[in-house]
Every structure is written in C-alpha cells, then in structure tokens.
Amino acid sequence: MSTDNEQAASPTRRYGPSRGDLMFRTCFAAAGLALTLAAVLFRGLPQGPGGWEAVIIAVVFFGGTLIWSLRRLLRGDHPDT
C-alpha cells in the first residue's frame, strides 16, 4: 500500500499536457514569434505606446510559451513518459 508521500515523490506525471500538446504549443509559439518579428521588420519599429505594448505583449506571451513548453519537453515532464 502506498502513502501520499510516495505518490508525491513519483517521477512520472499523471496529469498535464501530453507530448503532442507540448509539441503543438512549441511550434505555435515559434510561429508567433516569427510572425511578430516579420511584422516589425515589414512595418518598422512602433512609433507610439500602443504599438510597443502590442509587440511586448506578443513577445512575452509567445516567448514564455516557447520556454515553458521546451523546458517540459526536454525534461520529459509530461504524462506520456
């Protein structure tokens, strides 16, 4: 019979996004960053605070998603392992 402490120390995850979900999120985030970069290169740097806000929010969202997904993929921190 296992205790709660033994289950908490288990290296396998039973919940969370699957490997396929993490791969999709990684590709989606990379595409979002690429499109943000393309928009800045095509349109130039933003001139007002609203443009900077949009670029910063996009970079933070897509960059954070990319880092989070890659980290979980590289660690094998998903229920498929």
Protein backbone atom coordinates (compact mmCIF):
# COMPACT_ATOMS: atom_id res chain seq x y z
CA MET A 1 0.00 0.00 0.00
CA SER A 2 1.46 3.38 -0.97
CA THR A 3 1.26 6.53 1.07
CA ASP A 4 0.66 10.07 -0.10
CA ASN A 5 4.37 10.87 0.29
CA GLU A 6 5.37 8.02 -2.03
CA GLN A 7 2.94 9.20 -4.70
CA ALA A 8 4.17 12.80 -4.42
CA ALA A 9 7.78 11.66 -4.90
CA SER A 10 6.92 9.68 -8.04
CA PRO A 11 8.87 10.99 -11.08
CA THR A 12 6.01 10.28 -13.51
CA ARG A 13 3.20 12.73 -14.10
CA ARG A 14 -0.37 11.62 -14.48
CA TYR A 15 -1.82 14.99 -15.41
CA GLY A 16 -0.90 17.87 -17.65
CA PRO A 17 -0.45 18.42 -21.37
CA SER A 18 0.67 15.44 -23.41
CA ARG A 19 3.84 15.38 -25.50
CA GLY A 20 1.79 16.15 -28.63
CA ASP A 21 0.20 19.16 -26.93
CA LEU A 22 3.61 20.45 -25.89
CA MET A 23 4.94 19.99 -29.43
CA PHE A 24 1.98 21.95 -30.83
CA ARG A 25 2.49 24.74 -28.29
CA THR A 26 6.19 24.88 -29.13
CA CYS A 27 5.51 25.18 -32.87
CA PHE A 28 2.69 27.69 -32.32
CA ALA A 29 4.90 29.88 -30.10
CA ALA A 30 7.80 29.77 -32.55
CA ALA A 31 5.47 30.73 -35.41
CA GLY A 32 4.02 33.57 -33.31
CA LEU A 33 7.48 34.94 -32.55
CA ALA A 34 8.46 34.64 -36.22
CA LEU A 35 5.33 36.50 -37.33
CA THR A 36 5.90 39.21 -34.71
CA LEU A 37 9.46 39.63 -35.97
CA ALA A 38 8.23 39.72 -39.59
CA ALA A 39 5.65 42.37 -38.71
CA VAL A 40 8.28 44.55 -37.03
CA LEU A 41 10.69 44.12 -39.94
CA PHE A 42 7.98 44.88 -42.52
CA ARG A 43 6.29 47.78 -40.71
CA GLY A 44 9.26 49.15 -38.80
CA LEU A 45 9.54 49.89 -35.11
CA PRO A 46 6.36 51.13 -33.44
CA GLN A 47 6.01 54.89 -33.10
CA GLY A 48 3.56 55.09 -30.21
CA PRO A 49 2.99 53.40 -26.88
CA GLY A 50 0.17 51.22 -28.24
CA GLY A 51 2.42 49.67 -30.84
CA TRP A 52 5.14 48.95 -28.30
CA GLU A 53 2.54 47.46 -25.97
CA ALA A 54 1.33 45.07 -28.67
CA VAL A 55 4.86 43.97 -29.57
CA ILE A 56 5.93 43.48 -25.94
CA ILE A 57 2.80 41.50 -25.05
CA ALA A 58 3.25 39.27 -28.11
CA VAL A 59 6.93 38.63 -27.32
CA VAL A 60 6.23 37.88 -23.65
CA PHE A 61 3.30 35.57 -24.46
CA PHE A 62 4.93 33.63 -27.28
CA GLY A 63 8.39 33.64 -25.67
CA GLY A 64 7.05 32.43 -22.33
CA THR A 65 5.02 29.70 -24.00
CA LEU A 66 8.04 28.59 -26.03
CA ILE A 67 10.34 28.43 -22.99
CA TRP A 68 7.75 26.65 -20.82
CA SER A 69 6.94 24.06 -23.49
CA LEU A 70 10.57 23.38 -24.42
CA ARG A 71 11.53 23.02 -20.78
CA ARG A 72 8.81 20.44 -20.16
CA LEU A 73 9.66 18.57 -23.36
CA LEU A 74 13.38 18.43 -22.59
CA ARG A 75 12.77 17.27 -19.03
CA GLY A 76 10.25 14.66 -20.14
CA ASP A 77 7.76 16.26 -17.79
CA HIS A 78 4.56 15.01 -19.42
CA PRO A 79 2.25 12.03 -18.87
CA ASP A 80 3.49 10.17 -22.00
CA THR A 81 6.80 9.22 -20.35
